[in-house]
Amino acid sequence: MRWEYFSPLSEAHNLLSNLGKDGTLALVGSDGVNGAYSRDLNNFGPRLGFAWNALANTVVRGSYGVYYDYVPQDLLIANFTNSAGLVTNPIGPRAVISVANNYDQTAFNGTNPGGPVFTVPNPLPTAPPSGADIFFTPRNFVTPYVQNWNLNVEQQLGQRLALQLGYVGSKGTKLVRLRDANQPDVNGNRPNLNYGFMDEFATISASTYHALQVTFRTREWHGLSGFTGYTWSKSLDDASDGIDFNFSTVALPQDSNNLKAEHGPSNFDARHRFTAAFTYDLPRFGGPKRLSEGWQINTIVTAQSGRPVPIVSSNDTSALPNPNFNTRSNFHQRPNVVPGVNPINSNWRSGPDTIGFLNGNAFAQPADGTFGDLGRNEIYGPRFANVDFEIGAVRDGLPEREQALLRQFLFLESSVHRELHRCGHH
């Protein structure tokens, strides 16, 4: 059993802010904001495991555990949201002030030479102006956690070979994600007129992962050592990260009022993955002993199916044309799917890339004021394969540094030629 405690974010001068009892932004120490958010004290994580020699050459292993996740500070105080975090909300004696309303385009482009590009308000405001963007967390900002479990059987095949079959699963609960709690309606009107974006960073997401794993190992079997592994897996979640970085669609939903529609494959989901890594000791061949022994062949082979391709519309039409705010999804609107049209171009080639992977005719722009019907991460990208190959030799009496340099040179030479060939360059 393990107990973990992650204290709430704090600051010596109480300059952090969050929503107060009345639903408006307040500094820590006022309006019921006792700390950035409430403490979470029930983080108990049981863990257990076993190993059982079922037969002379057969071992059964299993384990289960609950693991808690620390929320990095950068997600709370220096993120990619409109107000960037609990430290930089526009409130308090050292408020971070938006210059959007104090920017002179004519001074910037030179038509008003000598004019100030930005004008700092005097006196400095200590409360958010009407329509300001803010960042907040729920008072009950709990610690995310994940349950992990696995069961595997390993069978020894002779003295130098082993085969392992296993199942691995996990379930993430109360994971962090971002949403706009003040999402405008179809006409661009926000429910809370005091603010613009109300970026809520909350522990309201979940995930699941299931995998079948097969691993074959060999140890000095006729000069061959290494392993081969295959994983068949499926990873689903509501958000694959806490904060979006450069509109990567890993956290902010298409519709902040319909988070169930965001459940789908994880951004990193790869259903099939094969990995092999081997070292083969070459037998001695003819010639001087110093040149004819100690040679090895090393290779690493990786192949996997494609990962999801996040797709959003280039022209967001989730709101009706209006003078307020023309997008409800903050440029995360997904397109509609055209029935019967393959979204993947069958004649696509990676190089030369004259034909794109996605078929644009399979998607349509949603009507004004609507969201797209394409599911989150519904389309998968191309498969991937990579081969690294090395020929090296171990020389008695040669310093380890020189041996390492020789092996690295041979490895890099083979890798460079392999990559150039894969990319279509000769």
Protein backbone atom coordinates (compact mmCIF):
# COMPACT_ATOMS: atom_id res chain seq x y z
CA MET A 1 0.00 0.00 0.00
CA ARG A 2 1.25 3.47 -0.90
CA TRP A 3 -0.16 6.90 0.01
CA GLU A 4 0.72 9.91 -2.10
CA TYR A 5 0.02 13.59 -1.58
CA PHE A 6 0.55 16.40 -4.07
CA SER A 7 -0.03 19.76 -2.43
CA PRO A 8 -1.99 22.43 -4.30
CA LEU A 9 -0.07 25.07 -6.19
CA SER A 10 0.83 28.01 -3.94
CA GLU A 11 2.58 31.38 -4.13
CA ALA A 12 4.12 33.52 -1.37
CA HIS A 13 2.14 36.71 -2.11
CA ASN A 14 -1.27 35.14 -2.82
CA LEU A 15 -1.23 36.26 -6.44
CA LEU A 16 -2.82 33.05 -7.71
CA SER A 17 -6.46 33.27 -8.69
CA ASN A 18 -9.44 31.02 -9.30
CA LEU A 19 -13.21 31.26 -9.31
CA GLY A 20 -14.70 32.37 -6.01
CA LYS A 21 -17.98 31.45 -4.33
CA ASP A 22 -19.92 33.89 -6.51
CA GLY A 23 -18.49 32.48 -9.73
CA THR A 24 -16.24 35.43 -10.49
CA LEU A 25 -12.45 35.51 -10.55
CA ALA A 26 -10.85 36.10 -7.14
CA LEU A 27 -7.38 36.08 -5.63
CA VAL A 28 -6.33 33.38 -3.17
CA GLY A 29 -7.46 34.46 0.29
CA SER A 30 -10.63 36.19 -0.87
CA ASP A 31 -14.18 35.16 -1.79
CA GLY A 32 -13.73 31.64 -0.45
CA VAL A 33 -10.61 30.88 -2.51
CA ASN A 34 -8.63 29.14 0.24
CA GLY A 35 -5.65 28.03 -1.81
CA ALA A 36 -5.57 27.56 -5.57
CA TYR A 37 -7.82 24.51 -5.14
CA SER A 38 -8.74 22.02 -2.43
CA ARG A 39 -6.32 19.41 -1.10
CA ASP A 40 -6.77 15.77 -2.14
CA LEU A 41 -5.88 13.47 0.77
CA ASN A 42 -7.32 10.08 -0.21
CA ASN A 43 -4.67 8.94 -2.69
CA PHE A 44 -4.17 5.37 -1.53
CA GLY A 45 -2.53 3.07 -4.06
CA PRO A 46 -2.58 -0.67 -3.34
CA ARG A 47 -0.17 -2.86 -5.30
CA LEU A 48 0.23 -6.61 -5.44
CA GLY A 49 1.89 -9.19 -7.62
CA PHE A 50 2.70 -12.88 -7.78
CA ALA A 51 4.88 -15.39 -9.60
CA TRP A 52 3.98 -19.08 -9.75
CA ASN A 53 6.05 -21.97 -11.08
CA ALA A 54 3.12 -23.86 -12.55
CA LEU A 55 5.41 -26.48 -14.18
CA ALA A 56 9.12 -27.16 -14.25
CA ASN A 57 9.68 -24.79 -17.19
CA THR A 58 6.53 -22.67 -16.93
CA VAL A 59 6.10 -19.46 -14.88
CA VAL A 60 2.84 -17.55 -14.45
CA ARG A 61 3.10 -13.90 -13.32
CA GLY A 62 0.52 -11.26 -12.58
CA SER A 63 0.19 -7.89 -10.88
CA TYR A 64 -2.22 -5.05 -10.13
CA GLY A 65 -1.58 -1.53 -8.91
CA VAL A 66 -3.05 1.93 -8.55
CA TYR A 67 -0.73 4.79 -9.49
CA TYR A 68 -1.31 8.52 -8.99
CA ASP A 69 -0.11 11.15 -11.43
CA TYR A 70 1.46 14.49 -10.58
CA VAL A 71 0.02 17.36 -12.66
CA PRO A 72 3.00 19.34 -14.01
CA GLN A 73 3.11 22.99 -12.98
CA ASP A 74 3.50 24.20 -16.56
CA LEU A 75 -0.04 23.00 -17.27
CA LEU A 76 -1.31 25.27 -14.50
CA ILE A 77 0.85 28.39 -14.81
CA ALA A 78 2.49 28.53 -18.25
CA ASN A 79 0.29 26.85 -20.81
CA PHE A 80 -1.03 27.56 -24.30
CA THR A 81 -4.45 28.85 -23.24
CA ASN A 82 -5.59 32.42 -23.77
CA SER A 83 -4.63 33.61 -20.27
CA ALA A 84 -1.85 31.02 -19.75
CA GLY A 85 -2.70 29.89 -16.21
CA LEU A 86 -3.64 30.63 -12.60
CA VAL A 87 -0.70 33.02 -12.22
CA THR A 88 -1.44 35.18 -15.25
CA ASN A 89 -5.14 35.89 -14.93
CA PRO A 90 -5.93 39.64 -15.25
CA ILE A 91 -6.51 40.31 -11.57
CA GLY A 92 -4.62 41.59 -8.54
CA PRO A 93 -1.89 44.15 -7.84
CA ARG A 94 0.39 42.51 -10.42
CA ALA A 95 -2.22 41.55 -12.98
CA VAL A 96 -1.08 40.38 -16.39
CA ILE A 97 -2.73 42.79 -18.80
CA SER A 98 -3.79 41.96 -22.31
CA VAL A 99 -2.49 44.46 -24.87
CA ALA A 100 -5.05 43.44 -27.48
CA ASN A 101 -7.13 46.56 -26.79
CA ASN A 102 -4.09 48.82 -26.49
CA TYR A 103 -2.39 47.96 -29.77
CA ASP A 104 -1.88 50.53 -32.55
CA GLN A 105 -1.57 48.83 -35.94
CA THR A 106 -0.60 52.13 -37.63
CA ALA A 107 2.37 52.56 -35.31
CA PHE A 108 3.45 49.02 -36.06
CA ASN A 109 3.23 49.28 -39.86
CA GLY A 110 4.91 52.70 -40.01
CA THR A 111 1.96 54.84 -41.10
CA ASN A 112 2.07 56.53 -37.69
CA PRO A 113 5.82 56.97 -37.18
CA GLY A 114 6.87 57.61 -33.62
CA GLY A 115 3.56 56.42 -32.18
CA PRO A 116 3.55 53.78 -29.42
CA VAL A 117 2.75 50.29 -30.64
CA PHE A 118 1.41 49.35 -27.21
CA THR A 119 -0.09 51.65 -24.61
CA VAL A 120 0.06 50.60 -20.97
CA PRO A 121 -3.06 51.65 -19.03
CA ASN A 122 -2.49 54.11 -16.19
CA PRO A 123 -3.39 53.29 -13.51
CA LEU A 124 -2.94 49.57 -14.01
CA PRO A 125 -6.22 47.65 -13.62
CA THR A 126 -6.57 45.23 -10.73
CA ALA A 127 -9.77 43.53 -11.91
CA PRO A 128 -10.55 41.79 -15.22
CA PRO A 129 -12.06 44.04 -17.87
CA SER A 130 -15.37 42.96 -19.36
CA GLY A 131 -14.90 40.05 -21.75
CA ALA A 132 -11.44 39.12 -20.46
CA ASP A 133 -10.19 35.57 -21.00
CA ILE A 134 -9.48 33.60 -17.81
CA PHE A 135 -8.12 30.22 -16.74
CA PHE A 136 -9.49 28.27 -13.78
CA THR A 137 -9.76 24.84 -12.18
CA PRO A 138 -12.63 23.32 -10.17
CA ARG A 139 -12.28 23.66 -6.42
CA ASN A 140 -12.28 19.86 -6.26
CA PHE A 141 -9.25 19.45 -8.51
CA VAL A 142 -8.43 15.84 -7.63
CA THR A 143 -5.31 13.82 -8.39
CA PRO A 144 -5.49 11.76 -11.60
CA TYR A 145 -4.80 8.06 -11.24
CA VAL A 146 -4.45 4.93 -13.34
CA GLN A 147 -5.03 1.26 -12.57
CA ASN A 148 -2.58 -1.14 -14.20
CA TRP A 149 -2.88 -4.92 -14.37
CA ASN A 150 -1.18 -7.72 -16.27
CA LEU A 151 -1.06 -11.49 -16.53
CA ASN A 152 1.54 -13.44 -18.48
CA VAL A 153 2.83 -16.97 -18.97
CA GLU A 154 6.47 -17.67 -19.81
CA GLN A 155 7.59 -21.04 -21.17
CA GLN A 156 11.23 -22.03 -21.37
CA LEU A 157 12.06 -23.85 -24.62
CA GLY A 158 15.31 -25.64 -24.02
CA GLN A 159 18.23 -23.96 -22.30
CA ARG A 160 18.45 -20.82 -24.44
CA LEU A 161 14.95 -20.03 -25.75
CA ALA A 162 11.83 -18.67 -24.04
CA LEU A 163 8.34 -17.69 -25.16
CA GLN A 164 6.09 -15.32 -23.21
CA LEU A 165 2.40 -14.58 -23.75
CA GLY A 166 0.79 -11.79 -21.80
CA TYR A 167 -2.19 -9.50 -21.38
CA VAL A 168 -1.73 -5.91 -20.20
CA GLY A 169 -4.51 -3.52 -19.28
CA SER A 170 -4.96 -0.12 -17.72
CA LYS A 171 -7.71 2.35 -16.89
CA GLY A 172 -7.08 6.05 -16.35
CA THR A 173 -9.55 7.91 -14.15
CA LYS A 174 -10.01 11.62 -13.41
CA LEU A 175 -7.43 12.57 -16.03
CA VAL A 176 -6.89 16.22 -16.89
CA ARG A 177 -8.34 17.91 -19.94
CA LEU A 178 -9.27 21.39 -21.18
CA ARG A 179 -12.67 22.82 -22.12
CA ASP A 180 -14.25 26.22 -22.66
CA ALA A 181 -16.75 26.56 -19.81
CA ASN A 182 -18.07 29.75 -21.43
CA GLN A 183 -18.57 28.37 -24.93
CA PRO A 184 -20.69 30.77 -27.02
CA ASP A 185 -24.00 29.80 -28.57
CA VAL A 186 -24.60 29.58 -32.30
CA ASN A 187 -24.89 33.39 -32.47
CA GLY A 188 -21.62 34.02 -30.66
CA ASN A 189 -23.19 34.98 -27.32
CA ARG A 190 -21.41 33.68 -24.22
CA PRO A 191 -23.44 32.56 -21.17
CA ASN A 192 -21.24 34.56 -18.77
CA LEU A 193 -21.00 38.08 -20.15
CA ASN A 194 -18.25 39.02 -17.69
CA TYR A 195 -15.67 36.90 -19.50
CA GLY A 196 -14.59 35.69 -22.89
CA PHE A 197 -12.87 32.30 -22.87
CA MET A 198 -13.21 30.54 -19.53
CA ASP A 199 -10.59 27.83 -20.02
CA GLU A 200 -11.41 25.15 -17.46
CA PHE A 201 -8.64 22.70 -16.65
CA ALA A 202 -10.41 19.81 -14.95
CA THR A 203 -9.95 16.16 -14.02
CA ILE A 204 -12.90 14.93 -16.08
CA SER A 205 -11.28 12.65 -18.64
CA ALA A 206 -10.73 8.88 -18.74
CA SER A 207 -8.81 6.28 -20.73
CA THR A 208 -8.55 2.52 -21.29
CA TYR A 209 -5.79 0.35 -22.76
CA HIS A 210 -5.82 -3.36 -23.56
CA ALA A 211 -2.99 -5.29 -25.19
CA LEU A 212 -1.97 -8.84 -26.08
CA GLN A 213 1.82 -9.20 -26.04
CA VAL A 214 3.95 -12.01 -27.44
CA THR A 215 7.71 -12.07 -26.81
CA PHE A 216 10.28 -14.61 -27.98
CA ARG A 217 13.79 -14.46 -26.48
CA THR A 218 16.98 -16.23 -27.37
CA ARG A 219 20.30 -16.20 -25.52
CA GLU A 220 23.48 -17.30 -27.27
CA TRP A 221 21.62 -19.82 -29.40
CA HIS A 222 24.06 -20.77 -32.16
CA GLY A 223 25.58 -17.31 -31.80
CA LEU A 224 22.23 -15.51 -31.84
CA SER A 225 20.94 -13.41 -28.93
CA GLY A 226 17.97 -11.05 -28.79
CA PHE A 227 14.20 -10.90 -28.80
CA THR A 228 11.17 -10.55 -31.02
CA GLY A 229 7.98 -8.92 -29.77
CA TYR A 230 4.51 -8.31 -31.13
CA THR A 231 1.79 -6.21 -29.51
CA TRP A 232 -1.86 -6.07 -30.51
CA SER A 233 -3.44 -3.23 -28.58
CA LYS A 234 -6.17 -0.63 -28.39
CA SER A 235 -6.00 2.68 -26.52
CA LEU A 236 -9.09 4.86 -26.07
CA ASP A 237 -9.52 8.14 -24.21
CA ASP A 238 -11.42 11.41 -24.09
CA ALA A 239 -8.30 13.57 -24.36
CA SER A 240 -4.71 12.48 -24.98
CA ASP A 241 -3.09 15.37 -23.10
CA GLY A 242 -4.02 18.08 -20.64
CA ILE A 243 -3.43 21.14 -22.81
CA ASP A 244 -3.45 21.66 -26.57
CA PHE A 245 -0.15 22.77 -28.06
CA ASN A 246 -0.51 24.58 -31.40
CA PHE A 247 -4.03 23.24 -32.05
CA SER A 248 -2.90 19.62 -31.83
CA THR A 249 -6.46 18.58 -30.82
CA VAL A 250 -5.29 16.45 -27.90
CA ALA A 251 -7.24 18.28 -25.20
CA LEU A 252 -9.69 20.94 -26.41
CA PRO A 253 -12.95 19.38 -27.67
CA GLN A 254 -14.96 20.26 -30.73
CA ASP A 255 -17.96 20.96 -28.49
CA SER A 256 -17.19 21.76 -24.84
CA ASN A 257 -20.81 20.99 -23.96
CA ASN A 258 -20.67 17.47 -25.42
CA LEU A 259 -17.55 15.78 -24.09
CA LYS A 260 -18.94 12.30 -24.72
CA ALA A 261 -18.42 12.92 -28.44
CA GLU A 262 -14.66 13.16 -27.78
CA HIS A 263 -14.29 9.52 -26.71
CA GLY A 264 -12.22 7.72 -29.32
CA PRO A 265 -8.77 6.35 -30.16
CA SER A 266 -5.86 7.98 -28.38
CA ASN A 267 -3.60 10.17 -30.50
CA PHE A 268 -0.82 7.65 -29.90
CA ASP A 269 -2.93 4.53 -30.55
CA ALA A 270 -1.15 1.95 -32.74
CA ARG A 271 -3.06 -1.31 -33.06
CA HIS A 272 -0.13 -3.46 -34.24
CA ARG A 273 3.55 -3.14 -33.38
CA PHE A 274 6.41 -5.53 -34.13
CA THR A 275 9.90 -5.12 -32.73
CA ALA A 276 12.96 -7.34 -33.12
CA ALA A 277 16.50 -6.79 -31.87
CA PHE A 278 19.24 -9.35 -32.42
CA THR A 279 22.98 -9.75 -32.15
CA TYR A 280 24.66 -12.49 -34.14
CA ASP A 281 28.27 -13.51 -33.46
CA LEU A 282 29.78 -14.35 -36.82
CA PRO A 283 31.95 -17.45 -36.94
CA ARG A 284 35.64 -16.94 -37.50
CA PHE A 285 36.57 -16.82 -41.16
CA GLY A 286 39.91 -17.26 -42.93
CA GLY A 287 42.75 -14.86 -42.53
CA PRO A 288 44.77 -13.35 -39.69
CA LYS A 289 43.19 -13.92 -36.29
CA ARG A 290 43.03 -10.20 -35.46
CA LEU A 291 40.99 -9.53 -38.59
CA SER A 292 38.90 -12.69 -38.80
CA GLU A 293 37.28 -13.05 -35.37
CA GLY A 294 35.12 -11.00 -33.02
CA TRP A 295 32.73 -9.76 -35.71
CA GLN A 296 29.05 -9.21 -34.93
CA ILE A 297 25.89 -8.33 -36.80
CA ASN A 298 23.38 -6.21 -34.88
CA THR A 299 19.97 -5.19 -36.11
CA ILE A 300 16.83 -3.52 -34.81
CA VAL A 301 13.60 -3.85 -36.79
CA THR A 302 10.46 -1.89 -35.95
CA ALA A 303 7.15 -2.00 -37.81
CA GLN A 304 3.79 -0.69 -36.72
CA SER A 305 0.38 0.22 -38.05
CA GLY A 306 -0.56 3.86 -38.44
CA ARG A 307 -1.61 6.23 -35.71
CA PRO A 308 -4.71 8.45 -35.81
CA VAL A 309 -4.60 11.61 -37.90
CA PRO A 310 -6.40 14.46 -36.09
CA ILE A 311 -8.49 16.32 -38.68
CA VAL A 312 -10.10 19.73 -38.24
CA SER A 313 -11.77 22.06 -40.71
CA SER A 314 -9.64 24.83 -42.13
CA ASN A 315 -12.67 27.16 -42.11
CA ASP A 316 -14.51 26.93 -38.79
CA THR A 317 -18.27 27.36 -39.33
CA SER A 318 -19.50 26.01 -35.99
CA ALA A 319 -21.30 29.32 -35.34
CA LEU A 320 -23.54 31.42 -37.54
CA PRO A 321 -21.92 34.55 -39.02
CA ASN A 322 -22.11 37.17 -36.28
CA PRO A 323 -20.21 40.23 -35.02
CA ASN A 324 -19.31 38.56 -31.72
CA PHE A 325 -17.36 35.31 -32.10
CA ASN A 326 -17.66 33.22 -35.23
CA THR A 327 -16.59 29.89 -33.75
CA ARG A 328 -17.99 27.75 -30.95
CA SER A 329 -15.20 25.18 -31.19
CA ASN A 330 -12.28 27.63 -31.14
CA PHE A 331 -11.05 26.28 -34.48
CA HIS A 332 -11.44 22.62 -33.48
CA GLN A 333 -14.44 21.92 -35.69
CA ARG A 334 -14.23 18.57 -37.44
CA PRO A 335 -15.60 18.06 -40.98
CA ASN A 336 -18.56 15.96 -42.06
CA VAL A 337 -17.92 12.55 -43.60
CA VAL A 338 -19.10 11.98 -47.18
CA PRO A 339 -20.75 8.51 -47.22
CA GLY A 340 -19.28 5.91 -49.55
CA VAL A 341 -16.02 7.77 -50.26
CA ASN A 342 -12.74 6.26 -49.09
CA PRO A 343 -10.90 8.87 -46.99
CA ILE A 344 -7.54 7.37 -48.01
CA ASN A 345 -6.12 7.75 -51.51
CA SER A 346 -5.41 4.22 -52.70
CA ASN A 347 -2.53 5.37 -54.95
CA TRP A 348 -0.80 7.39 -52.24
CA ARG A 349 2.97 7.08 -52.06
CA SER A 350 5.33 8.47 -49.43
CA GLY A 351 7.90 9.58 -51.95
CA PRO A 352 7.68 11.51 -54.06
CA ASP A 353 4.71 12.97 -52.21
CA THR A 354 2.76 14.16 -55.26
CA ILE A 355 -0.48 12.49 -54.11
CA GLY A 356 -1.64 13.21 -50.59
CA PHE A 357 -2.56 10.49 -48.12
CA LEU A 358 -6.03 11.84 -47.36
CA ASN A 359 -8.76 12.10 -49.96
CA GLY A 360 -10.28 15.57 -49.63
CA ASN A 361 -13.42 14.44 -51.45
CA ALA A 362 -14.30 12.24 -48.46
CA PHE A 363 -14.92 15.27 -46.26
CA ALA A 364 -17.39 18.15 -46.42
CA GLN A 365 -17.63 21.46 -44.63
CA PRO A 366 -20.42 21.40 -42.01
CA ALA A 367 -23.29 23.83 -42.45
CA ASP A 368 -23.04 27.15 -40.64
CA GLY A 369 -23.86 26.76 -36.96
CA THR A 370 -23.22 23.00 -36.77
CA PHE A 371 -20.45 20.67 -35.68
CA GLY A 372 -18.89 18.02 -37.92
CA ASP A 373 -19.90 14.37 -37.65
CA LEU A 374 -16.38 12.93 -38.11
CA GLY A 375 -15.45 11.10 -34.93
CA ARG A 376 -12.37 12.11 -32.98
CA ASN A 377 -9.27 10.31 -34.34
CA GLU A 378 -11.44 8.18 -36.63
CA ILE A 379 -8.93 8.20 -39.52
CA TYR A 380 -5.58 6.41 -39.18
CA GLY A 381 -2.34 7.37 -40.90
CA PRO A 382 0.05 5.16 -42.88
CA ARG A 383 2.01 2.30 -41.38
CA PHE A 384 5.67 2.73 -40.50
CA ALA A 385 8.73 0.50 -40.72
CA ASN A 386 12.33 1.12 -39.72
CA VAL A 387 15.46 -1.04 -39.94
CA ASP A 388 18.80 -0.31 -38.27
CA PHE A 389 21.77 -2.50 -39.16
CA GLU A 390 25.29 -2.63 -37.79
CA ILE A 391 28.41 -4.67 -38.45
CA GLY A 392 31.07 -4.33 -35.79
CA ALA A 393 34.01 -6.09 -34.26
CA VAL A 394 35.29 -6.44 -30.72
CA ARG A 395 39.05 -6.17 -30.61
CA ASP A 396 41.12 -7.34 -27.64
CA GLY A 397 43.59 -4.67 -26.60
CA LEU A 398 41.72 -1.85 -28.37
CA PRO A 399 40.54 0.81 -25.88
CA GLU A 400 36.79 0.79 -25.22
CA ARG A 401 36.42 4.33 -26.56
CA GLU A 402 37.92 3.41 -29.94
CA GLN A 403 35.78 0.26 -30.09
CA ALA A 404 32.66 2.33 -29.42
CA LEU A 405 33.63 4.88 -32.08
CA LEU A 406 34.16 2.11 -34.64
CA ARG A 407 30.76 0.56 -33.91
CA GLN A 408 28.99 3.94 -33.96
CA PHE A 409 30.57 4.80 -37.32
CA LEU A 410 29.46 1.54 -38.90
CA PHE A 411 25.98 1.85 -37.35
CA LEU A 412 25.52 5.45 -38.51
CA GLU A 413 26.73 4.64 -42.00
CA SER A 414 24.20 1.82 -42.37
CA SER A 415 21.41 3.94 -40.81
CA VAL A 416 22.03 6.91 -43.11
CA HIS A 417 22.00 4.78 -46.24
CA ARG A 418 18.86 2.98 -45.05
CA GLU A 419 17.04 6.27 -44.32
CA LEU A 420 18.04 7.80 -47.67
CA HIS A 421 16.77 4.74 -49.50
CA ARG A 422 13.51 4.74 -47.53
CA CYS A 423 12.90 8.42 -48.36
CA GLY A 424 13.48 7.86 -52.07
CA HIS A 425 16.94 9.49 -52.36
CA HIS A 426 19.77 7.62 -54.05
